[in-house]
Amino acid sequence: MSGSGARRHHQRALSAQISAGQAPSTGGHAVFWENNGKILREHPPADGPAPLCRGCGESWPCGMAETAMQQVGVRS
């Protein structure tokens, strides 16, 4: 995935994360959404043609970011 594509996916996941955490049907899972959001904030893609994860240095999306994005319905 290119750097700009990775950033778009990450931004979509962050936006979906905020919406999911505020939705009445899922809002009761505050600890889950808080932890999921923390992972997304701590594991963003670095700039570059083949971005690495800023949180752990693996290819982006790393396992943590991939799982967090899937939880909010964003596939990499």
N, C-alpha and C. Protein backbone atom coordinates (compact mmCIF):
# COMPACT_ATOMS: atom_id res chain seq x y z
N MET A 1 0.84 -1.17 0.00
CA MET A 1 0.00 0.00 0.00
C MET A 1 0.89 1.23 0.00
N SER A 2 0.52 2.22 -0.79
CA SER A 2 1.31 3.44 -0.85
C SER A 2 1.10 4.26 0.42
N GLY A 3 1.98 5.23 0.62
CA GLY A 3 1.88 6.08 1.80
C GLY A 3 0.56 6.84 1.87
N SER A 4 0.11 7.39 0.74
CA SER A 4 -1.13 8.15 0.76
C SER A 4 -2.33 7.22 0.97
N GLY A 5 -2.29 6.03 0.40
CA GLY A 5 -3.36 5.06 0.61
C GLY A 5 -3.42 4.62 2.06
N ALA A 6 -2.27 4.42 2.66
CA ALA A 6 -2.21 4.02 4.06
C ALA A 6 -2.78 5.12 4.95
N ARG A 7 -2.44 6.36 4.67
CA ARG A 7 -2.96 7.47 5.47
C ARG A 7 -4.49 7.58 5.34
N ARG A 8 -5.01 7.37 4.11
CA ARG A 8 -6.47 7.42 3.91
C ARG A 8 -7.16 6.32 4.71
N HIS A 9 -6.61 5.11 4.67
CA HIS A 9 -7.20 4.01 5.43
C HIS A 9 -7.16 4.30 6.92
N HIS A 10 -6.05 4.83 7.37
CA HIS A 10 -5.90 5.14 8.79
C HIS A 10 -6.89 6.22 9.20
N GLN A 11 -7.06 7.26 8.41
CA GLN A 11 -8.01 8.33 8.72
C GLN A 11 -9.45 7.81 8.73
N ARG A 12 -9.78 6.93 7.77
CA ARG A 12 -11.12 6.34 7.75
C ARG A 12 -11.37 5.52 9.00
N ALA A 13 -10.35 4.76 9.44
CA ALA A 13 -10.49 3.95 10.65
C ALA A 13 -10.67 4.84 11.88
N LEU A 14 -9.91 5.93 11.97
CA LEU A 14 -10.05 6.85 13.11
C LEU A 14 -11.45 7.47 13.12
N SER A 15 -11.95 7.86 11.97
CA SER A 15 -13.29 8.44 11.89
C SER A 15 -14.36 7.42 12.27
N ALA A 16 -14.21 6.21 11.77
CA ALA A 16 -15.16 5.14 12.10
C ALA A 16 -15.09 4.81 13.59
N GLN A 17 -13.91 4.87 14.14
CA GLN A 17 -13.70 4.60 15.57
C GLN A 17 -14.50 5.59 16.41
N ILE A 18 -14.42 6.85 16.07
CA ILE A 18 -15.13 7.89 16.82
C ILE A 18 -16.63 7.67 16.72
N SER A 19 -17.12 7.40 15.52
CA SER A 19 -18.56 7.17 15.32
C SER A 19 -19.04 5.95 16.08
N ALA A 20 -18.30 4.88 16.01
CA ALA A 20 -18.71 3.63 16.68
C ALA A 20 -18.74 3.81 18.19
N GLY A 21 -17.80 4.55 18.72
CA GLY A 21 -17.75 4.77 20.16
C GLY A 21 -18.88 5.63 20.67
N GLN A 22 -19.48 6.42 19.77
CA GLN A 22 -20.57 7.33 20.17
C GLN A 22 -21.95 6.78 19.85
N ALA A 23 -22.01 5.74 19.03
CA ALA A 23 -23.30 5.18 18.63
C ALA A 23 -23.99 4.56 19.84
N PRO A 24 -25.29 4.78 19.99
CA PRO A 24 -26.01 4.21 21.14
C PRO A 24 -25.89 2.69 21.23
N SER A 25 -25.88 2.01 20.10
CA SER A 25 -25.85 0.55 20.12
C SER A 25 -24.50 -0.01 20.55
N THR A 26 -23.42 0.76 20.38
CA THR A 26 -22.09 0.28 20.74
C THR A 26 -21.42 1.14 21.80
N GLY A 27 -22.06 2.20 22.20
CA GLY A 27 -21.48 3.12 23.16
C GLY A 27 -21.24 2.53 24.54
N GLY A 28 -21.95 1.46 24.88
CA GLY A 28 -21.78 0.84 26.19
C GLY A 28 -20.48 0.08 26.34
N HIS A 29 -19.74 -0.04 25.27
CA HIS A 29 -18.48 -0.78 25.30
C HIS A 29 -17.32 0.20 25.35
N ALA A 30 -17.39 1.13 26.29
CA ALA A 30 -16.44 2.24 26.34
C ALA A 30 -14.98 1.78 26.45
N VAL A 31 -14.71 0.79 27.27
CA VAL A 31 -13.32 0.34 27.45
C VAL A 31 -12.79 -0.25 26.15
N PHE A 32 -13.63 -1.04 25.47
CA PHE A 32 -13.21 -1.62 24.19
C PHE A 32 -12.87 -0.52 23.19
N TRP A 33 -13.77 0.46 23.03
CA TRP A 33 -13.54 1.52 22.04
C TRP A 33 -12.36 2.40 22.43
N GLU A 34 -12.17 2.60 23.72
CA GLU A 34 -11.02 3.39 24.18
C GLU A 34 -9.71 2.69 23.81
N ASN A 35 -9.65 1.40 24.06
CA ASN A 35 -8.43 0.64 23.73
C ASN A 35 -8.21 0.54 22.22
N ASN A 36 -9.28 0.34 21.48
CA ASN A 36 -9.17 0.26 20.02
C ASN A 36 -8.66 1.58 19.45
N GLY A 37 -9.20 2.69 19.95
CA GLY A 37 -8.76 4.01 19.51
C GLY A 37 -7.30 4.27 19.86
N LYS A 38 -6.90 3.82 21.04
CA LYS A 38 -5.51 3.99 21.46
C LYS A 38 -4.57 3.26 20.50
N ILE A 39 -4.94 2.06 20.11
CA ILE A 39 -4.12 1.30 19.16
C ILE A 39 -4.02 2.06 17.84
N LEU A 40 -5.15 2.56 17.34
CA LEU A 40 -5.12 3.29 16.07
C LEU A 40 -4.25 4.54 16.16
N ARG A 41 -4.30 5.24 17.29
CA ARG A 41 -3.49 6.45 17.45
C ARG A 41 -2.00 6.11 17.61
N GLU A 42 -1.69 4.99 18.23
CA GLU A 42 -0.29 4.63 18.48
C GLU A 42 0.37 3.87 17.33
N HIS A 43 -0.40 3.42 16.36
CA HIS A 43 0.15 2.64 15.25
C HIS A 43 -0.24 3.22 13.89
N PRO A 44 0.06 4.52 13.66
CA PRO A 44 -0.24 5.12 12.35
C PRO A 44 0.86 4.76 11.34
N PRO A 45 0.55 4.92 10.06
CA PRO A 45 1.59 4.68 9.05
C PRO A 45 2.57 5.84 8.98
N ALA A 46 3.83 5.52 8.76
CA ALA A 46 4.84 6.55 8.52
C ALA A 46 4.74 6.98 7.07
N ASP A 47 5.31 8.12 6.73
CA ASP A 47 5.33 8.58 5.35
C ASP A 47 6.29 7.73 4.54
N GLY A 48 6.02 7.63 3.26
CA GLY A 48 6.91 6.90 2.36
C GLY A 48 6.14 6.01 1.41
N PRO A 49 6.81 5.53 0.39
CA PRO A 49 6.13 4.71 -0.62
C PRO A 49 5.70 3.35 -0.07
N ALA A 50 6.43 2.79 0.86
CA ALA A 50 6.08 1.53 1.51
C ALA A 50 6.15 1.79 3.02
N PRO A 51 5.08 2.40 3.58
CA PRO A 51 5.15 2.88 4.96
C PRO A 51 5.32 1.77 6.00
N LEU A 52 6.03 2.14 7.04
CA LEU A 52 6.18 1.29 8.20
C LEU A 52 5.28 1.84 9.30
N CYS A 53 4.97 1.02 10.27
CA CYS A 53 4.17 1.44 11.41
C CYS A 53 5.04 2.30 12.31
N ARG A 54 4.52 3.45 12.69
CA ARG A 54 5.27 4.34 13.59
C ARG A 54 5.33 3.78 15.01
N GLY A 55 4.40 2.90 15.36
CA GLY A 55 4.36 2.36 16.71
C GLY A 55 5.31 1.21 16.94
N CYS A 56 5.48 0.34 15.92
CA CYS A 56 6.29 -0.86 16.16
C CYS A 56 7.33 -1.11 15.07
N GLY A 57 7.30 -0.36 13.97
CA GLY A 57 8.31 -0.50 12.93
C GLY A 57 8.05 -1.60 11.92
N GLU A 58 6.95 -2.35 12.07
CA GLU A 58 6.61 -3.39 11.09
C GLU A 58 6.01 -2.73 9.85
N SER A 59 5.87 -3.52 8.78
CA SER A 59 5.17 -3.03 7.61
C SER A 59 3.77 -2.62 8.02
N TRP A 60 3.29 -1.49 7.46
CA TRP A 60 1.96 -1.04 7.82
C TRP A 60 0.95 -1.56 6.82
N PRO A 61 -0.19 -2.07 7.22
CA PRO A 61 -0.66 -2.09 8.60
C PRO A 61 -0.05 -3.26 9.37
N CYS A 62 0.42 -2.98 10.56
CA CYS A 62 0.94 -4.03 11.43
C CYS A 62 -0.25 -4.83 11.95
N GLY A 63 0.02 -5.89 12.65
CA GLY A 63 -1.05 -6.72 13.18
C GLY A 63 -1.99 -5.97 14.10
N MET A 64 -1.44 -5.07 14.91
CA MET A 64 -2.28 -4.29 15.84
C MET A 64 -3.21 -3.35 15.07
N ALA A 65 -2.65 -2.62 14.10
CA ALA A 65 -3.46 -1.68 13.33
C ALA A 65 -4.49 -2.41 12.48
N GLU A 66 -4.10 -3.52 11.89
CA GLU A 66 -5.01 -4.32 11.05
C GLU A 66 -6.23 -4.76 11.86
N THR A 67 -6.00 -5.28 13.03
CA THR A 67 -7.09 -5.75 13.87
C THR A 67 -7.98 -4.60 14.32
N ALA A 68 -7.38 -3.49 14.72
CA ALA A 68 -8.15 -2.32 15.16
C ALA A 68 -8.98 -1.76 14.02
N MET A 69 -8.43 -1.74 12.81
CA MET A 69 -9.19 -1.24 11.66
C MET A 69 -10.34 -2.18 11.34
N GLN A 70 -10.13 -3.47 11.42
CA GLN A 70 -11.20 -4.42 11.16
C GLN A 70 -12.34 -4.28 12.16
N GLN A 71 -12.00 -3.94 13.41
CA GLN A 71 -13.04 -3.76 14.44
C GLN A 71 -14.01 -2.64 14.09
N VAL A 72 -13.55 -1.66 13.33
CA VAL A 72 -14.43 -0.55 12.93
C VAL A 72 -14.86 -0.66 11.48
N GLY A 73 -14.61 -1.81 10.86
CA GLY A 73 -15.10 -2.06 9.51
C GLY A 73 -14.26 -1.51 8.39
N VAL A 74 -13.01 -1.17 8.65
CA VAL A 74 -12.12 -0.66 7.60
C VAL A 74 -11.09 -1.74 7.29
N ARG A 75 -11.07 -2.18 6.06
CA ARG A 75 -10.11 -3.20 5.63
C ARG A 75 -8.92 -2.54 4.96
N SER A 76 -7.75 -3.06 5.21
CA SER A 76 -6.55 -2.47 4.58
C SER A 76 -6.36 -3.02 3.18
